Each structure stands twice: as structure tokens, then as C-alpha cells.
C-alpha atoms as a PDB file:
ATOM      1  CA  MET A   1     -25.879 -11.721  30.404  1.00  0.00           C
ATOM      2  CA  LYS A   2     -26.438 -13.012  26.891  1.00  0.00           C
ATOM      3  CA  ARG A   3     -27.774  -9.607  25.800  1.00  0.00           C
ATOM      4  CA  PHE A   4     -24.709  -7.887  27.286  1.00  0.00           C
ATOM      5  CA  LYS A   5     -22.315 -10.160  25.353  1.00  0.00           C
ATOM      6  CA  LEU A   6     -24.219  -9.520  22.123  1.00  0.00           C
ATOM      7  CA  LEU A   7     -24.074  -5.765  22.707  1.00  0.00           C
ATOM      8  CA  CYS A   8     -20.307  -5.901  23.385  1.00  0.00           C
ATOM      9  CA  PHE A   9     -19.823  -7.945  20.220  1.00  0.00           C
ATOM     10  CA  GLU A  10     -21.784  -5.410  18.116  1.00  0.00           C
ATOM     11  CA  ILE A  11     -19.776  -2.485  19.515  1.00  0.00           C
ATOM     12  CA  THR A  12     -16.508  -4.289  18.853  1.00  0.00           C
ATOM     13  CA  ILE A  13     -17.513  -5.099  15.257  1.00  0.00           C
ATOM     14  CA  ARG A  14     -18.414  -1.444  14.643  1.00  0.00           C
ATOM     15  CA  LYS A  15     -15.006  -0.344  15.931  1.00  0.00           C
ATOM     16  CA  ILE A  16     -13.117  -2.926  13.864  1.00  0.00           C
ATOM     17  CA  LYS A  17     -15.100  -2.364  10.667  1.00  0.00           C
ATOM     18  CA  THR A  18     -13.603   1.035   9.831  1.00  0.00           C
ATOM     19  CA  PRO A  19      -9.850   0.314  10.046  1.00  0.00           C
ATOM     20  CA  PHE A  20     -10.218  -3.356   9.063  1.00  0.00           C
ATOM     21  CA  GLU A  21      -9.042  -2.931   5.469  1.00  0.00           C
ATOM     22  CA  ARG A  22      -5.944  -1.015   6.589  1.00  0.00           C
ATOM     23  CA  LYS A  23      -5.106  -3.723   9.136  1.00  0.00           C
ATOM     24  CA  VAL A  24      -5.408  -6.420   6.468  1.00  0.00           C
ATOM     25  CA  ARG A  25      -3.011  -4.467   4.249  1.00  0.00           C
ATOM     26  CA  GLU A  26      -0.537  -4.087   7.125  1.00  0.00           C
ATOM     27  CA  ILE A  27      -0.719  -7.812   7.853  1.00  0.00           C
ATOM     28  CA  VAL A  28      -0.132  -8.655   4.171  1.00  0.00           C
ATOM     29  CA  CYS A  29       2.920  -6.361   4.191  1.00  0.00           C
ATOM     30  CA  SER A  30       4.260  -8.051   7.308  1.00  0.00           C
ATOM     31  CA  PHE A  31       4.002 -11.480   5.656  1.00  0.00           C
ATOM     32  CA  LEU A  32       5.049 -10.654   2.082  1.00  0.00           C
ATOM     33  CA  GLY A  33       7.182  -7.576   2.657  1.00  0.00           C
ATOM     34  CA  HIS A  34       6.424  -4.081   1.437  1.00  0.00           C
ATOM     35  CA  SER A  35       5.417  -3.633  -2.172  1.00  0.00           C
ATOM     36  CA  ARG A  36       7.739  -2.044  -4.706  1.00  0.00           C
ATOM     37  CA  ILE A  37       4.719  -0.063  -5.917  1.00  0.00           C
ATOM     38  CA  CYS A  38       5.056   3.199  -4.003  1.00  0.00           C
ATOM     39  CA  HIS A  39       3.701   6.687  -3.485  1.00  0.00           C
ATOM     40  CA  TYR A  40       6.024   9.694  -3.554  1.00  0.00           C
ATOM     41  CA  CYS A  41       4.856  12.774  -1.680  1.00  0.00           C
ATOM     42  CA  PHE A  42       6.877  15.653  -0.195  1.00  0.00           C
ATOM     43  CA  GLY A  43      10.110  13.691  -0.280  1.00  0.00           C
ATOM     44  CA  GLU A  44       8.769  10.569   1.418  1.00  0.00           C
ATOM     45  CA  ILE A  45       8.461   7.250  -0.351  1.00  0.00           C
ATOM     46  CA  THR A  46       5.623   5.191   1.124  1.00  0.00           C
ATOM     47  CA  CYS A  47       4.321   1.703   0.443  1.00  0.00           C
ATOM     48  CA  ALA A  48       1.227   1.852  -1.796  1.00  0.00           C
ATOM     49  CA  ARG A  49      -0.286  -1.106   0.075  1.00  0.00           C
ATOM     50  CA  CYS A  50      -0.046  -0.118   3.752  1.00  0.00           C
ATOM     51  CA  GLY A  51       1.149   3.493   3.672  1.00  0.00           C
ATOM     52  CA  GLU A  52       4.229   3.015   5.837  1.00  0.00           C
ATOM     53  CA  ILE A  53       7.198   5.289   5.129  1.00  0.00           C
ATOM     54  CA  LEU A  54       9.925   3.283   3.395  1.00  0.00           C
ATOM     55  CA  GLN A  55      12.517   5.900   2.476  1.00  0.00           C
ATOM     56  CA  ASP A  56      13.206   9.560   3.029  1.00  0.00           C
ATOM     57  CA  GLY A  57      13.863  11.120  -0.339  1.00  0.00           C
ATOM     58  CA  PHE A  58      13.811  14.660   1.028  1.00  0.00           C
ATOM     59  CA  ALA A  59      17.343  14.436   2.407  1.00  0.00           C
ATOM     60  CA  GLY A  60      18.629  12.691  -0.714  1.00  0.00           C
ATOM     61  CA  LEU A  61      18.867   9.326   1.030  1.00  0.00           C
ATOM     62  CA  SER A  62      16.601   7.349  -1.260  1.00  0.00           C
ATOM     63  CA  ASP A  63      17.424   4.566  -3.684  1.00  0.00           C
ATOM     64  CA  THR A  64      14.592   4.276  -6.173  1.00  0.00           C
ATOM     65  CA  THR A  65      15.973   1.520  -8.389  1.00  0.00           C
ATOM     66  CA  GLY A  66      13.286  -1.049  -9.113  1.00  0.00           C
ATOM     67  CA  LEU A  67      10.427   1.008  -7.669  1.00  0.00           C
ATOM     68  CA  VAL A  68       7.204   1.876  -9.470  1.00  0.00           C
ATOM     69  CA  PHE A  69       5.474   5.115  -8.474  1.00  0.00           C
ATOM     70  CA  VAL A  70       1.699   5.424  -8.581  1.00  0.00           C
ATOM     71  CA  GLU A  71       0.487   7.793 -11.354  1.00  0.00           C
ATOM     72  CA  HIS A  72       4.054   8.298 -12.604  1.00  0.00           C
ATOM     73  CA  ASP A  73       3.664   7.131 -16.159  1.00  0.00           C
ATOM     74  CA  CYS A  74       7.263   7.113 -17.398  1.00  0.00           C
ATOM     75  CA  SER A  75       9.255   4.514 -19.324  1.00  0.00           C
ATOM     76  CA  ILE A  76      11.377   3.558 -16.283  1.00  0.00           C
ATOM     77  CA  CYS A  77       8.302   2.853 -14.130  1.00  0.00           C
ATOM     78  CA  ARG A  78       6.723   0.851 -16.971  1.00  0.00           C
ATOM     79  CA  GLU A  79       9.908  -1.219 -17.311  1.00  0.00           C
ATOM     80  CA  ASN A  80      10.123  -1.787 -13.534  1.00  0.00           C
ATOM     81  CA  TYR A  81       6.442  -2.829 -13.446  1.00  0.00           C
ATOM     82  CA  LYS A  82       7.169  -5.706 -15.834  1.00  0.00           C
ATOM     83  CA  GLY A  83       9.668  -7.085 -13.315  1.00  0.00           C
ATOM     84  CA  LEU A  84       7.284  -7.091 -10.328  1.00  0.00           C
ATOM     85  CA  SER A  85       5.991 -10.361  -8.912  1.00  0.00           C
ATOM     86  CA  TRP A  86       2.516 -11.152  -7.610  1.00  0.00           C
ATOM     87  CA  LYS A  87       3.710 -10.309  -4.093  1.00  0.00           C
ATOM     88  CA  ASP A  88       4.199  -6.692  -5.115  1.00  0.00           C
ATOM     89  CA  LYS A  89       0.801  -6.404  -6.815  1.00  0.00           C
ATOM     90  CA  VAL A  90      -1.471  -7.908  -4.114  1.00  0.00           C
ATOM     91  CA  LEU A  91      -3.855  -5.272  -2.650  1.00  0.00           C
ATOM     92  CA  CYS A  92      -2.001  -2.436  -4.406  1.00  0.00           C
ATOM     93  CA  PRO A  93      -3.549   0.159  -6.690  1.00  0.00           C
ATOM     94  CA  HIS A  94      -2.742  -0.047 -10.385  1.00  0.00           C
ATOM     95  CA  PRO A  95       0.090   2.473 -10.769  1.00  0.00           C
ATOM     96  CA  PHE A  96      -0.729   3.794 -14.237  1.00  0.00           C
ATOM     97  CA  LYS A  97      -3.685   5.834 -15.358  1.00  0.00           C
ATOM     98  CA  LYS A  98      -6.092   4.214 -17.768  1.00  0.00           C
ATOM     99  CA  LYS A  99      -5.755   5.670 -21.252  1.00  0.00           C
ATOM    100  CA  LYS A 100      -8.962   7.037 -22.701  1.00  0.00           C
ATOM    101  CA  ASP A 101      -9.682   6.051 -26.289  1.00  0.00           C
END
């Protein structure tokens, strides 16, 4: 019986291990709210932390004031990034590319 419980535990850990990081990000978003650091792809604005669709920009229904888009190195995104709090930056990718010297 002890061996069976250990085997079940190992199988469960293997199943949880793969999507664990995504689940942590989803839990953080549920506690802190979605980040204002976002991805923009094919008209959809998604949270950079958990990947959930926040707005549909394809139909022209999006309000992008205050948002920072990943790899969108413009002056507006840089200005919006200065106004973000720690809650927006936790577990999110850095939105701007590193400049090579």
C-alpha cells in the first residue's frame, strides 16, 4: 500500500510539473489583477503574465491607455512603464529589448 501511494504521488508530481509555472502566474493574476504589460497579436491584447485575453483590438474595441506592449519600444510605452507599480511587473517579461553597446 505504501508503494502504491508513493507511485501515485510521483505520477501526480510529473503531471503538475509541466503546467506548474503557468498555474502560478494565473494565481498571481487572480490575486493582484492582470498586468498592464501586455502582448498584442492579431488584434488581441493578452496579459503578459498569464496569457489571458484582456481586450479585442481587432474589432476596434480596445482602450490601450496606460498599457505597455512587450517588444514595442516607443516613447508612449516607455512613459507608461514608468507609471507601473510592482504589481504589474511581478512575473512579467521585461517589455523592452536590451540595447547592444
